[in-house]
C-alpha atoms as a PDB file:
ATOM      1  CA  MET A   1       0.000   0.000   0.000  1.00  0.00           C
ATOM      2  CA  LYS A   2       2.788   2.320   0.917  1.00  0.00           C
ATOM      3  CA  GLN A   3       4.556   1.446  -2.298  1.00  0.00           C
ATOM      4  CA  GLY A   4       1.410   2.160  -4.350  1.00  0.00           C
ATOM      5  CA  GLY A   5       0.872   5.388  -2.446  1.00  0.00           C
ATOM      6  CA  ASN A   6       4.392   6.493  -3.288  1.00  0.00           C
ATOM      7  CA  ARG A   7       3.762   5.718  -6.921  1.00  0.00           C
ATOM      8  CA  GLY A   8       0.581   7.791  -6.774  1.00  0.00           C
ATOM      9  CA  ILE A   9       2.424  10.692  -5.198  1.00  0.00           C
ATOM     10  CA  LEU A  10       5.176  10.468  -7.828  1.00  0.00           C
ATOM     11  CA  LEU A  11       2.619  10.282 -10.626  1.00  0.00           C
ATOM     12  CA  ALA A  12       0.779  13.328  -9.306  1.00  0.00           C
ATOM     13  CA  ALA A  13       4.049  15.226  -8.985  1.00  0.00           C
ATOM     14  CA  ALA A  14       5.025  14.309 -12.532  1.00  0.00           C
ATOM     15  CA  LEU A  15       1.635  15.409 -13.807  1.00  0.00           C
ATOM     16  CA  ILE A  16       1.934  18.743 -12.015  1.00  0.00           C
ATOM     17  CA  LEU A  17       5.434  19.204 -13.450  1.00  0.00           C
ATOM     18  CA  LEU A  18       4.207  18.355 -16.954  1.00  0.00           C
ATOM     19  CA  LEU A  19       1.321  20.798 -16.686  1.00  0.00           C
ATOM     20  CA  THR A  20       3.693  23.467 -15.422  1.00  0.00           C
ATOM     21  CA  VAL A  21       6.091  22.876 -18.334  1.00  0.00           C
ATOM     22  CA  CYS A  22       3.248  22.871 -20.862  1.00  0.00           C
ATOM     23  CA  SER A  23       1.824  26.019 -19.327  1.00  0.00           C
ATOM     24  CA  SER A  24       5.260  27.609 -19.561  1.00  0.00           C
ATOM     25  CA  CYS A  25       5.603  26.503 -23.187  1.00  0.00           C
ATOM     26  CA  THR A  26       2.163  27.869 -24.032  1.00  0.00           C
ATOM     27  CA  THR A  27       2.985  31.149 -22.351  1.00  0.00           C
ATOM     28  CA  LYS A  28       6.249  31.404 -24.287  1.00  0.00           C
ATOM     29  CA  ARG A  29       4.478  30.604 -27.557  1.00  0.00           C
ATOM     30  CA  GLN A  30       1.882  33.247 -26.796  1.00  0.00           C
ATOM     31  CA  GLU A  31       4.598  35.739 -25.932  1.00  0.00           C
ATOM     32  CA  ALA A  32       6.471  34.852 -29.122  1.00  0.00           C
ATOM     33  CA  ALA A  33       3.283  35.191 -31.137  1.00  0.00           C
ATOM     34  CA  ALA A  34       2.595  38.532 -29.532  1.00  0.00           C
ATOM     35  CA  GLY A  35       6.127  39.582 -30.372  1.00  0.00           C
ATOM     36  CA  LYS A  36       5.687  38.467 -33.965  1.00  0.00           C
ATOM     37  CA  ARG A  37       2.549  40.525 -34.317  1.00  0.00           C
ATOM     38  CA  GLN A  38       4.653  43.618 -33.648  1.00  0.00           C
ATOM     39  CA  VAL A  39       7.271  43.218 -36.396  1.00  0.00           C
ATOM     40  CA  ILE A  40       7.609  42.960 -40.152  1.00  0.00           C
ATOM     41  CA  ASN A  41      10.714  41.613 -41.871  1.00  0.00           C
ATOM     42  CA  LEU A  42      11.030  43.611 -45.068  1.00  0.00           C
ATOM     43  CA  PHE A  43      13.480  42.484 -47.763  1.00  0.00           C
ATOM     44  CA  THR A  44      14.227  45.554 -49.883  1.00  0.00           C
ATOM     45  CA  ALA A  45      16.365  46.562 -52.844  1.00  0.00           C
ATOM     46  CA  ARG A  46      15.286  50.216 -52.560  1.00  0.00           C
ATOM     47  CA  HIS A  47      17.646  52.828 -51.119  1.00  0.00           C
ATOM     48  CA  TYR A  48      15.566  55.973 -50.596  1.00  0.00           C
ATOM     49  CA  GLN A  49      15.424  57.995 -47.386  1.00  0.00           C
ATOM     50  CA  VAL A  50      11.677  58.497 -47.732  1.00  0.00           C
ATOM     51  CA  ASP A  51      11.189  54.765 -47.171  1.00  0.00           C
ATOM     52  CA  ASN A  52      12.556  55.085 -43.630  1.00  0.00           C
ATOM     53  CA  THR A  53      10.189  57.991 -43.004  1.00  0.00           C
ATOM     54  CA  ILE A  54       7.266  55.811 -44.083  1.00  0.00           C
ATOM     55  CA  TYR A  55       8.428  52.924 -41.872  1.00  0.00           C
ATOM     56  CA  GLN A  56       8.631  55.233 -38.872  1.00  0.00           C
ATOM     57  CA  GLU A  57       5.170  56.676 -39.468  1.00  0.00           C
ATOM     58  CA  PHE A  58       3.685  53.201 -39.871  1.00  0.00           C
ATOM     59  CA  ALA A  59       5.347  52.095 -36.616  1.00  0.00           C
ATOM     60  CA  ARG A  60       4.042  55.184 -34.828  1.00  0.00           C
ATOM     61  CA  ARG A  61       0.490  54.447 -35.925  1.00  0.00           C
ATOM     62  CA  THR A  62       0.439  50.691 -35.415  1.00  0.00           C
ATOM     63  CA  GLY A  63       3.218  49.817 -32.989  1.00  0.00           C
ATOM     64  CA  ILE A  64       4.581  47.427 -35.624  1.00  0.00           C
ATOM     65  CA  GLN A  65       8.326  47.768 -36.152  1.00  0.00           C
ATOM     66  CA  ILE A  66       9.921  47.133 -39.539  1.00  0.00           C
ATOM     67  CA  ASN A  67      13.179  45.198 -39.763  1.00  0.00           C
ATOM     68  CA  GLU A  68      14.967  45.898 -43.050  1.00  0.00           C
ATOM     69  CA  VAL A  69      17.089  43.346 -44.867  1.00  0.00           C
ATOM     70  CA  LYS A  70      18.858  45.051 -47.785  1.00  0.00           C
ATOM     71  CA  GLY A  71      20.469  43.627 -50.883  1.00  0.00           C
ATOM     72  CA  THR A  72      20.081  43.470 -54.633  1.00  0.00           C
ATOM     73  CA  ALA A  73      16.738  42.143 -55.800  1.00  0.00           C
ATOM     74  CA  GLU A  74      18.366  39.008 -57.190  1.00  0.00           C
ATOM     75  CA  GLU A  75      20.214  38.349 -53.917  1.00  0.00           C
ATOM     76  CA  LEU A  76      17.043  38.705 -51.870  1.00  0.00           C
ATOM     77  CA  VAL A  77      15.022  36.402 -54.129  1.00  0.00           C
ATOM     78  CA  GLU A  78      17.797  33.815 -53.946  1.00  0.00           C
ATOM     79  CA  LEU A  79      17.876  34.099 -50.146  1.00  0.00           C
ATOM     80  CA  MET A  80      14.129  33.486 -49.937  1.00  0.00           C
ATOM     81  CA  LYS A  81      14.467  30.486 -52.250  1.00  0.00           C
ATOM     82  CA  GLN A  82      17.256  28.968 -50.169  1.00  0.00           C
ATOM     83  CA  GLU A  83      15.492  29.494 -46.836  1.00  0.00           C
ATOM     84  CA  GLY A  84      12.191  28.080 -48.075  1.00  0.00           C
ATOM     85  CA  GLN A  85       9.581  27.629 -45.348  1.00  0.00           C
ATOM     86  CA  ALA A  86      12.096  28.844 -42.758  1.00  0.00           C
ATOM     87  CA  SER A  87      12.396  32.250 -44.443  1.00  0.00           C
ATOM     88  CA  SER A  88      11.913  35.249 -42.189  1.00  0.00           C
ATOM     89  CA  ALA A  89      10.803  37.452 -45.105  1.00  0.00           C
ATOM     90  CA  ASP A  90       7.360  39.011 -44.831  1.00  0.00           C
ATOM     91  CA  LEU A  91       7.618  41.536 -47.659  1.00  0.00           C
ATOM     92  CA  PHE A  92       9.748  41.965 -50.773  1.00  0.00           C
ATOM     93  CA  VAL A  93      10.256  45.464 -52.184  1.00  0.00           C
ATOM     94  CA  THR A  94      12.190  46.352 -55.319  1.00  0.00           C
ATOM     95  CA  VAL A  95      12.306  48.532 -58.388  1.00  0.00           C
ATOM     96  CA  ASP A  96      11.348  47.036 -61.765  1.00  0.00           C
ATOM     97  CA  GLY A  97       8.301  45.038 -62.737  1.00  0.00           C
ATOM     98  CA  GLY A  98      10.430  42.440 -64.471  1.00  0.00           C
ATOM     99  CA  ILE A  99      12.222  41.595 -61.232  1.00  0.00           C
ATOM    100  CA  LEU A 100       8.910  41.361 -59.375  1.00  0.00           C
ATOM    101  CA  ASN A 101       7.680  38.914 -61.990  1.00  0.00           C
ATOM    102  CA  TYR A 102      10.919  36.949 -61.636  1.00  0.00           C
ATOM    103  CA  ALA A 103      10.254  36.680 -57.892  1.00  0.00           C
ATOM    104  CA  LYS A 104       6.747  35.412 -58.630  1.00  0.00           C
ATOM    105  CA  GLN A 105       8.063  32.798 -61.059  1.00  0.00           C
ATOM    106  CA  SER A 106      10.663  31.750 -58.476  1.00  0.00           C
ATOM    107  CA  GLY A 107       7.867  30.689 -56.137  1.00  0.00           C
ATOM    108  CA  VAL A 108       8.769  32.995 -53.247  1.00  0.00           C
ATOM    109  CA  LEU A 109       5.576  35.105 -53.276  1.00  0.00           C
ATOM    110  CA  GLN A 110       1.894  34.616 -52.458  1.00  0.00           C
ATOM    111  CA  PRO A 111      -1.173  36.555 -53.648  1.00  0.00           C
ATOM    112  CA  ILE A 112      -2.051  39.733 -51.753  1.00  0.00           C
ATOM    113  CA  SER A 113      -5.504  39.083 -50.290  1.00  0.00           C
ATOM    114  CA  SER A 114      -6.622  42.599 -49.421  1.00  0.00           C
ATOM    115  CA  GLU A 115      -9.576  44.385 -50.952  1.00  0.00           C
ATOM    116  CA  ALA A 116      -8.160  47.698 -49.719  1.00  0.00           C
ATOM    117  CA  VAL A 117      -4.958  47.170 -51.705  1.00  0.00           C
ATOM    118  CA  LEU A 118      -6.908  46.281 -54.840  1.00  0.00           C
ATOM    119  CA  ARG A 119      -8.902  49.491 -54.455  1.00  0.00           C
ATOM    120  CA  ASN A 120      -5.727  51.514 -53.906  1.00  0.00           C
ATOM    121  CA  VAL A 121      -3.763  50.186 -56.881  1.00  0.00           C
ATOM    122  CA  PRO A 122      -5.215  50.173 -60.432  1.00  0.00           C
ATOM    123  CA  ALA A 123      -4.971  46.908 -62.359  1.00  0.00           C
ATOM    124  CA  GLU A 124      -2.353  48.344 -64.737  1.00  0.00           C
ATOM    125  CA  TRP A 125       0.098  48.630 -61.823  1.00  0.00           C
ATOM    126  CA  ARG A 126      -0.320  45.164 -60.321  1.00  0.00           C
ATOM    127  CA  ASP A 127       0.230  41.546 -61.207  1.00  0.00           C
ATOM    128  CA  PRO A 128      -2.832  39.867 -62.790  1.00  0.00           C
ATOM    129  CA  GLY A 129      -2.832  37.346 -59.943  1.00  0.00           C
ATOM    130  CA  ASN A 130      -2.038  40.032 -57.331  1.00  0.00           C
ATOM    131  CA  TYR A 131       1.323  38.495 -56.440  1.00  0.00           C
ATOM    132  CA  TRP A 132       2.760  42.026 -56.399  1.00  0.00           C
ATOM    133  CA  VAL A 133       1.527  45.598 -56.655  1.00  0.00           C
ATOM    134  CA  GLY A 134       3.205  48.834 -57.651  1.00  0.00           C
ATOM    135  CA  ILE A 135       3.850  51.509 -55.045  1.00  0.00           C
ATOM    136  CA  SER A 136       5.211  54.144 -57.449  1.00  0.00           C
ATOM    137  CA  THR A 137       6.074  54.716 -61.102  1.00  0.00           C
ATOM    138  CA  ARG A 138       8.938  56.478 -62.855  1.00  0.00           C
ATOM    139  CA  SER A 139       9.649  57.497 -66.433  1.00  0.00           C
ATOM    140  CA  ARG A 140      13.010  57.215 -68.199  1.00  0.00           C
ATOM    141  CA  VAL A 141      13.311  60.513 -70.044  1.00  0.00           C
ATOM    142  CA  LEU A 142      15.758  62.683 -71.974  1.00  0.00           C
ATOM    143  CA  VAL A 143      17.380  65.468 -69.944  1.00  0.00           C
ATOM    144  CA  TYR A 144      19.103  68.304 -71.807  1.00  0.00           C
ATOM    145  CA  ALA A 145      21.245  71.375 -71.127  1.00  0.00           C
ATOM    146  CA  LYS A 146      18.886  74.344 -71.553  1.00  0.00           C
ATOM    147  CA  ASP A 147      21.648  76.761 -72.549  1.00  0.00           C
ATOM    148  CA  ARG A 148      22.712  74.829 -75.627  1.00  0.00           C
ATOM    149  CA  ILE A 149      19.940  72.437 -76.712  1.00  0.00           C
ATOM    150  CA  ASN A 150      16.555  73.101 -78.285  1.00  0.00           C
ATOM    151  CA  PRO A 151      14.140  70.504 -76.842  1.00  0.00           C
ATOM    152  CA  GLU A 152      12.457  70.181 -80.242  1.00  0.00           C
ATOM    153  CA  GLU A 153      15.597  68.334 -81.352  1.00  0.00           C
ATOM    154  CA  LEU A 154      14.789  65.552 -78.877  1.00  0.00           C
ATOM    155  CA  SER A 155      11.669  63.812 -80.089  1.00  0.00           C
ATOM    156  CA  SER A 156      12.655  60.189 -79.469  1.00  0.00           C
ATOM    157  CA  TYR A 157      15.050  57.719 -77.891  1.00  0.00           C
ATOM    158  CA  GLU A 158      15.996  56.635 -81.404  1.00  0.00           C
ATOM    159  CA  GLU A 159      17.175  60.163 -82.220  1.00  0.00           C
ATOM    160  CA  LEU A 160      20.028  59.828 -79.695  1.00  0.00           C
ATOM    161  CA  ALA A 161      21.543  57.016 -81.754  1.00  0.00           C
ATOM    162  CA  SER A 162      21.894  59.209 -84.867  1.00  0.00           C
ATOM    163  CA  ASP A 163      25.231  60.635 -86.011  1.00  0.00           C
ATOM    164  CA  ARG A 164      24.338  64.215 -85.031  1.00  0.00           C
ATOM    165  CA  TRP A 165      24.629  63.293 -81.345  1.00  0.00           C
ATOM    166  CA  GLU A 166      28.123  61.833 -81.579  1.00  0.00           C
ATOM    167  CA  GLY A 167      30.117  62.598 -78.419  1.00  0.00           C
ATOM    168  CA  ARG A 168      27.139  64.294 -76.747  1.00  0.00           C
ATOM    169  CA  VAL A 169      25.220  61.588 -74.805  1.00  0.00           C
ATOM    170  CA  LEU A 170      25.485  60.728 -71.105  1.00  0.00           C
ATOM    171  CA  VAL A 171      24.072  57.581 -69.515  1.00  0.00           C
ATOM    172  CA  ARG A 172      24.901  55.222 -66.674  1.00  0.00           C
ATOM    173  CA  SER A 173      26.371  51.737 -67.063  1.00  0.00           C
ATOM    174  CA  ALA A 174      24.926  48.582 -68.581  1.00  0.00           C
ATOM    175  CA  SER A 175      24.646  47.075 -65.103  1.00  0.00           C
ATOM    176  CA  SER A 176      21.866  49.555 -64.306  1.00  0.00           C
ATOM    177  CA  LEU A 177      18.515  47.821 -64.002  1.00  0.00           C
ATOM    178  CA  TYR A 178      16.932  50.998 -65.381  1.00  0.00           C
ATOM    179  CA  ASN A 179      18.911  50.683 -68.616  1.00  0.00           C
ATOM    180  CA  GLN A 180      18.332  46.941 -68.832  1.00  0.00           C
ATOM    181  CA  SER A 181      14.574  47.440 -68.636  1.00  0.00           C
ATOM    182  CA  LEU A 182      14.682  50.321 -71.113  1.00  0.00           C
ATOM    183  CA  LEU A 183      16.475  48.145 -73.652  1.00  0.00           C
ATOM    184  CA  ALA A 184      14.173  45.226 -72.789  1.00  0.00           C
ATOM    185  CA  SER A 185      11.210  47.428 -73.684  1.00  0.00           C
ATOM    186  CA  PHE A 186      12.789  48.157 -77.078  1.00  0.00           C
ATOM    187  CA  ILE A 187      13.274  44.428 -77.668  1.00  0.00           C
ATOM    188  CA  GLY A 188       9.605  43.891 -76.902  1.00  0.00           C
ATOM    189  CA  LEU A 189       8.500  46.729 -79.180  1.00  0.00           C
ATOM    190  CA  HIS A 190      10.928  46.526 -82.095  1.00  0.00           C
ATOM    191  CA  GLY A 191      12.767  43.223 -81.882  1.00  0.00           C
ATOM    192  CA  GLU A 192      16.294  42.312 -80.865  1.00  0.00           C
ATOM    193  CA  ARG A 193      18.004  43.556 -84.035  1.00  0.00           C
ATOM    194  CA  GLU A 194      16.605  47.098 -83.803  1.00  0.00           C
ATOM    195  CA  ALA A 195      17.308  47.234 -80.069  1.00  0.00           C
ATOM    196  CA  ALA A 196      20.932  46.252 -80.703  1.00  0.00           C
ATOM    197  CA  ARG A 197      21.255  48.893 -83.413  1.00  0.00           C
ATOM    198  CA  TRP A 198      20.025  51.545 -80.963  1.00  0.00           C
ATOM    199  CA  ALA A 199      22.408  50.428 -78.212  1.00  0.00           C
ATOM    200  CA  GLU A 200      25.316  50.455 -80.658  1.00  0.00           C
ATOM    201  CA  GLY A 201      24.435  54.018 -81.660  1.00  0.00           C
ATOM    202  CA  ILE A 202      24.332  55.177 -78.037  1.00  0.00           C
ATOM    203  CA  VAL A 203      27.771  53.704 -77.348  1.00  0.00           C
ATOM    204  CA  ARG A 204      29.126  55.473 -80.419  1.00  0.00           C
ATOM    205  CA  ASN A 205      27.643  58.786 -79.247  1.00  0.00           C
ATOM    206  CA  LEU A 206      28.781  58.728 -75.618  1.00  0.00           C
ATOM    207  CA  ALA A 207      30.416  61.894 -74.293  1.00  0.00           C
ATOM    208  CA  ARG A 208      32.344  59.723 -71.810  1.00  0.00           C
ATOM    209  CA  GLU A 209      32.334  56.151 -70.587  1.00  0.00           C
ATOM    210  CA  PRO A 210      29.363  55.432 -68.315  1.00  0.00           C
ATOM    211  CA  GLU A 211      30.033  56.324 -64.682  1.00  0.00           C
ATOM    212  CA  GLY A 212      27.926  57.117 -61.636  1.00  0.00           C
ATOM    213  CA  GLY A 213      24.171  57.109 -61.196  1.00  0.00           C
ATOM    214  CA  ASP A 214      21.515  59.276 -62.806  1.00  0.00           C
ATOM    215  CA  LYS A 215      22.301  62.306 -60.635  1.00  0.00           C
ATOM    216  CA  ALA A 216      25.949  62.083 -61.699  1.00  0.00           C
ATOM    217  CA  GLN A 217      24.837  62.370 -65.330  1.00  0.00           C
ATOM    218  CA  ALA A 218      22.837  65.502 -64.489  1.00  0.00           C
ATOM    219  CA  VAL A 219      25.726  67.171 -62.652  1.00  0.00           C
ATOM    220  CA  ALA A 220      28.116  66.384 -65.521  1.00  0.00           C
ATOM    221  CA  LEU A 221      25.610  67.681 -68.061  1.00  0.00           C
ATOM    222  CA  ALA A 222      25.240  70.979 -66.196  1.00  0.00           C
ATOM    223  CA  ALA A 223      29.041  71.260 -66.054  1.00  0.00           C
ATOM    224  CA  GLY A 224      29.312  71.053 -69.846  1.00  0.00           C
ATOM    225  CA  VAL A 225      30.083  67.349 -70.285  1.00  0.00           C
ATOM    226  CA  GLY A 226      27.764  66.212 -73.062  1.00  0.00           C
ATOM    227  CA  ASP A 227      24.474  67.788 -74.105  1.00  0.00           C
ATOM    228  CA  VAL A 228      21.798  65.221 -73.249  1.00  0.00           C
ATOM    229  CA  ALA A 229      21.376  62.417 -70.711  1.00  0.00           C
ATOM    230  CA  ILE A 230      19.016  59.477 -70.218  1.00  0.00           C
ATOM    231  CA  MET A 231      17.577  59.655 -66.690  1.00  0.00           C
ATOM    232  CA  ASN A 232      14.615  58.780 -64.475  1.00  0.00           C
ATOM    233  CA  THR A 233      12.246  61.669 -63.786  1.00  0.00           C
ATOM    234  CA  TYR A 234      12.353  61.495 -60.003  1.00  0.00           C
ATOM    235  CA  TYR A 235      16.068  62.311 -59.858  1.00  0.00           C
ATOM    236  CA  ILE A 236      15.403  65.714 -61.413  1.00  0.00           C
ATOM    237  CA  GLY A 237      12.578  66.266 -58.940  1.00  0.00           C
ATOM    238  CA  GLN A 238      14.853  65.383 -56.035  1.00  0.00           C
ATOM    239  CA  MET A 239      17.633  67.648 -57.291  1.00  0.00           C
ATOM    240  CA  LEU A 240      15.311  70.625 -57.792  1.00  0.00           C
ATOM    241  CA  ASN A 241      14.293  70.269 -54.141  1.00  0.00           C
ATOM    242  CA  SER A 242      17.701  69.315 -52.741  1.00  0.00           C
ATOM    243  CA  ASN A 243      19.578  70.922 -49.849  1.00  0.00           C
ATOM    244  CA  ASP A 244      22.759  70.152 -51.787  1.00  0.00           C
ATOM    245  CA  LEU A 245      23.534  73.373 -53.681  1.00  0.00           C
ATOM    246  CA  THR A 246      25.564  71.532 -56.325  1.00  0.00           C
ATOM    247  CA  GLU A 247      22.573  69.352 -57.189  1.00  0.00           C
ATOM    248  CA  LEU A 248      20.122  72.246 -57.023  1.00  0.00           C
ATOM    249  CA  GLU A 249      22.147  74.553 -59.271  1.00  0.00           C
ATOM    250  CA  ALA A 250      22.794  71.740 -61.740  1.00  0.00           C
ATOM    251  CA  ALA A 251      19.105  70.846 -61.989  1.00  0.00           C
ATOM    252  CA  LYS A 252      18.134  74.464 -62.671  1.00  0.00           C
ATOM    253  CA  LYS A 253      20.208  74.335 -65.855  1.00  0.00           C
ATOM    254  CA  LEU A 254      18.406  71.290 -67.204  1.00  0.00           C
ATOM    255  CA  GLY A 255      15.152  70.548 -68.979  1.00  0.00           C
ATOM    256  CA  ILE A 256      13.379  67.261 -69.668  1.00  0.00           C
ATOM    257  CA  VAL A 257      11.630  65.728 -72.656  1.00  0.00           C
ATOM    258  CA  PHE A 258       9.208  62.809 -72.552  1.00  0.00           C
ATOM    259  CA  PRO A 259      10.313  61.035 -75.747  1.00  0.00           C
ATOM    260  CA  ASN A 260       8.354  59.179 -78.417  1.00  0.00           C
ATOM    261  CA  GLN A 261       5.088  61.030 -77.835  1.00  0.00           C
ATOM    262  CA  GLN A 262       4.230  60.717 -81.522  1.00  0.00           C
ATOM    263  CA  THR A 263       5.169  57.033 -81.722  1.00  0.00           C
ATOM    264  CA  THR A 264       5.520  54.341 -79.047  1.00  0.00           C
ATOM    265  CA  GLY A 265       5.502  56.498 -75.913  1.00  0.00           C
ATOM    266  CA  THR A 266       7.887  57.034 -72.996  1.00  0.00           C
ATOM    267  CA  HIS A 267       9.299  54.097 -71.050  1.00  0.00           C
ATOM    268  CA  VAL A 268       7.717  53.682 -67.598  1.00  0.00           C
ATOM    269  CA  ASN A 269       8.632  51.274 -64.814  1.00  0.00           C
ATOM    270  CA  ILE A 270       7.614  50.784 -61.209  1.00  0.00           C
ATOM    271  CA  SER A 271       8.720  50.193 -57.677  1.00  0.00           C
ATOM    272  CA  GLY A 272       6.635  47.418 -56.186  1.00  0.00           C
ATOM    273  CA  ILE A 273       5.883  45.401 -53.090  1.00  0.00           C
ATOM    274  CA  ALA A 274       5.027  41.722 -52.678  1.00  0.00           C
ATOM    275  CA  LEU A 275       3.952  39.384 -49.883  1.00  0.00           C
ATOM    276  CA  ALA A 276       6.500  36.636 -49.205  1.00  0.00           C
ATOM    277  CA  ARG A 277       5.218  33.080 -49.618  1.00  0.00           C
ATOM    278  CA  HIS A 278       6.101  31.977 -46.089  1.00  0.00           C
ATOM    279  CA  ALA A 279       5.556  35.317 -44.341  1.00  0.00           C
ATOM    280  CA  PRO A 280       5.584  34.662 -40.566  1.00  0.00           C
ATOM    281  CA  ASN A 281       3.848  38.000 -39.923  1.00  0.00           C
ATOM    282  CA  LYS A 282       1.324  37.986 -42.748  1.00  0.00           C
ATOM    283  CA  GLU A 283      -1.358  40.136 -41.097  1.00  0.00           C
ATOM    284  CA  ASN A 284       1.165  42.828 -40.217  1.00  0.00           C
ATOM    285  CA  ALA A 285       2.597  42.688 -43.727  1.00  0.00           C
ATOM    286  CA  LEU A 286      -0.834  43.200 -45.282  1.00  0.00           C
ATOM    287  CA  LYS A 287      -1.418  46.186 -43.005  1.00  0.00           C
ATOM    288  CA  PHE A 288       1.787  47.758 -44.292  1.00  0.00           C
ATOM    289  CA  ILE A 289       0.879  47.158 -47.952  1.00  0.00           C
ATOM    290  CA  GLU A 290      -2.482  48.787 -47.291  1.00  0.00           C
ATOM    291  CA  PHE A 291      -0.764  51.758 -45.656  1.00  0.00           C
ATOM    292  CA  VAL A 292       1.906  52.346 -48.295  1.00  0.00           C
ATOM    293  CA  THR A 293      -0.648  52.116 -51.128  1.00  0.00           C
ATOM    294  CA  GLY A 294      -3.248  54.235 -49.312  1.00  0.00           C
ATOM    295  CA  LYS A 295      -3.688  57.978 -49.766  1.00  0.00           C
ATOM    296  CA  GLU A 296      -1.494  59.040 -46.841  1.00  0.00           C
ATOM    297  CA  GLY A 297       1.306  56.564 -47.515  1.00  0.00           C
ATOM    298  CA  GLN A 298       1.278  57.442 -51.207  1.00  0.00           C
ATOM    299  CA  THR A 299       1.390  61.157 -50.437  1.00  0.00           C
ATOM    300  CA  MET A 300       4.405  60.642 -48.183  1.00  0.00           C
ATOM    301  CA  LEU A 301       6.113  58.574 -50.871  1.00  0.00           C
ATOM    302  CA  THR A 302       5.587  60.962 -53.788  1.00  0.00           C
ATOM    303  CA  GLN A 303       6.355  64.088 -51.744  1.00  0.00           C
ATOM    304  CA  GLY A 304       9.596  62.531 -50.510  1.00  0.00           C
ATOM    305  CA  SER A 305      10.894  60.711 -53.594  1.00  0.00           C
ATOM    306  CA  TYR A 306       9.295  62.573 -56.528  1.00  0.00           C
ATOM    307  CA  GLU A 307       8.148  59.268 -57.976  1.00  0.00           C
ATOM    308  CA  PHE A 308       4.651  59.219 -59.455  1.00  0.00           C
ATOM    309  CA  PRO A 309       2.105  57.618 -57.084  1.00  0.00           C
ATOM    310  CA  VAL A 310      -0.032  54.648 -58.148  1.00  0.00           C
ATOM    311  CA  ASN A 311      -2.978  55.854 -56.059  1.00  0.00           C
ATOM    312  CA  ALA A 312      -4.759  58.753 -57.773  1.00  0.00           C
ATOM    313  CA  GLU A 313      -5.880  60.144 -54.399  1.00  0.00           C
ATOM    314  CA  ALA A 314      -2.309  61.012 -53.367  1.00  0.00           C
ATOM    315  CA  ASP A 315      -1.307  64.663 -53.156  1.00  0.00           C
ATOM    316  CA  MET A 316       1.500  65.028 -55.693  1.00  0.00           C
ATOM    317  CA  PRO A 317       4.138  67.768 -55.762  1.00  0.00           C
ATOM    318  CA  GLU A 318       3.283  70.512 -58.251  1.00  0.00           C
ATOM    319  CA  LEU A 319       6.303  69.560 -60.374  1.00  0.00           C
ATOM    320  CA  LEU A 320       4.909  66.066 -60.948  1.00  0.00           C
ATOM    321  CA  ARG A 321       1.493  67.477 -61.770  1.00  0.00           C
ATOM    322  CA  SER A 322       3.128  69.535 -64.517  1.00  0.00           C
ATOM    323  CA  TRP A 323       4.609  66.347 -65.979  1.00  0.00           C
ATOM    324  CA  GLN A 324       1.380  64.348 -66.096  1.00  0.00           C
ATOM    325  CA  GLY A 325      -0.508  63.356 -69.218  1.00  0.00           C
ATOM    326  CA  PHE A 326       2.318  61.963 -71.341  1.00  0.00           C
ATOM    327  CA  LYS A 327       1.943  58.915 -73.573  1.00  0.00           C
ATOM    328  CA  ARG A 328       3.414  55.687 -72.136  1.00  0.00           C
ATOM    329  CA  GLN A 329       4.901  52.707 -73.916  1.00  0.00           C
ATOM    330  CA  PRO A 330       2.322  49.942 -74.525  1.00  0.00           C
ATOM    331  CA  VAL A 331       4.549  47.430 -72.736  1.00  0.00           C
ATOM    332  CA  GLU A 332       3.308  45.184 -69.927  1.00  0.00           C
ATOM    333  CA  ILE A 333       5.452  45.947 -66.880  1.00  0.00           C
ATOM    334  CA  ALA A 334       5.500  42.289 -65.850  1.00  0.00           C
ATOM    335  CA  ASN A 335       6.907  41.251 -69.242  1.00  0.00           C
ATOM    336  CA  LEU A 336      10.097  43.317 -69.063  1.00  0.00           C
ATOM    337  CA  GLY A 337      11.954  40.578 -67.213  1.00  0.00           C
ATOM    338  CA  GLN A 338      11.692  38.089 -70.067  1.00  0.00           C
ATOM    339  CA  TYR A 339      14.006  40.285 -72.168  1.00  0.00           C
ATOM    340  CA  HIS A 340      16.587  41.166 -69.511  1.00  0.00           C
ATOM    341  CA  GLU A 341      19.059  38.453 -70.470  1.00  0.00           C
ATOM    342  CA  GLN A 342      18.870  39.464 -74.124  1.00  0.00           C
ATOM    343  CA  ALA A 343      19.386  43.090 -73.105  1.00  0.00           C
ATOM    344  CA  LYS A 344      22.507  42.173 -71.123  1.00  0.00           C
ATOM    345  CA  GLU A 345      23.870  40.232 -74.089  1.00  0.00           C
ATOM    346  CA  ILE A 346      23.291  43.203 -76.382  1.00  0.00           C
ATOM    347  CA  PHE A 347      25.037  45.579 -73.983  1.00  0.00           C
ATOM    348  CA  GLN A 348      28.033  43.268 -73.889  1.00  0.00           C
ATOM    349  CA  SER A 349      28.140  42.779 -77.658  1.00  0.00           C
ATOM    350  CA  VAL A 350      28.098  46.536 -78.428  1.00  0.00           C
ATOM    351  CA  GLY A 351      30.602  47.469 -75.724  1.00  0.00           C
ATOM    352  CA  TRP A 352      28.223  49.339 -73.402  1.00  0.00           C
ATOM    353  CA  LYS A 353      30.238  49.185 -70.202  1.00  0.00           C
END
């Protein structure tokens, strides 16, 4: 009897210990879950200060902190592929619709199930299956020195490849995703042969070997190096509102032309956001997508970056309003990626460094 009683006491003690451990485990899981509800892991290839401002405002409103993981778009997609179900990524943000489509095809995204997001972003700026949505758009335009160029001379991208512009063109390197997508759009519109002929003409007409980003082309142009540059619109907007006097004074000397208004239209691309396939903080991630595509988030983005908003309710800077209404290329943003490899091969074959 004593022996059985001891066994009963031991069994009861073990049961109490087990319940205590399980209770502790449950509490820790609940605490971990609560912690997870307060963070978002955002994988981003963007590098704009306004993004941090948006993160901070979102955190202030919701209490949800954003952890950034930065890298090139290709590196981040590869990281998500390698980590699989163990990936910490909640959101993927990058420039270029082709890269967003590549991420979708790589199987690292899931559809964005939010009616608010679909209302915020028109169909033309999102994936047909809602695997990604645009958060801003930008145009790749021709920027010229106002003191020596008549803008009527700059009607098209093709014009820059003609002999009259020899030694007068500025543009960044072939490694630029902006240039790769521009050339990819030409491949889609005109075929590989015509695209290669254009790229060859640009290389022949360079005022110097490609160096620096878009702003570097603008500063060089204002200083008398070359007469025309290929740039994204938002860089001019940023420079015209910069605290850096060098940038500000340079931008004042420049004008812009939206090319191909009588033919195929100006090249447009996007910055976009996507929900990671194995997002551990999915609800938080959806809240952020809703915020950044909503009126207030879009207003913050366009006022800070001078990119065009995707949400028509956003309050745009007056400069961007003055640029509205131009004809765009009839190229599906998502399809740009399928021509990137061909574009890279063309750049290499024509000596575009």
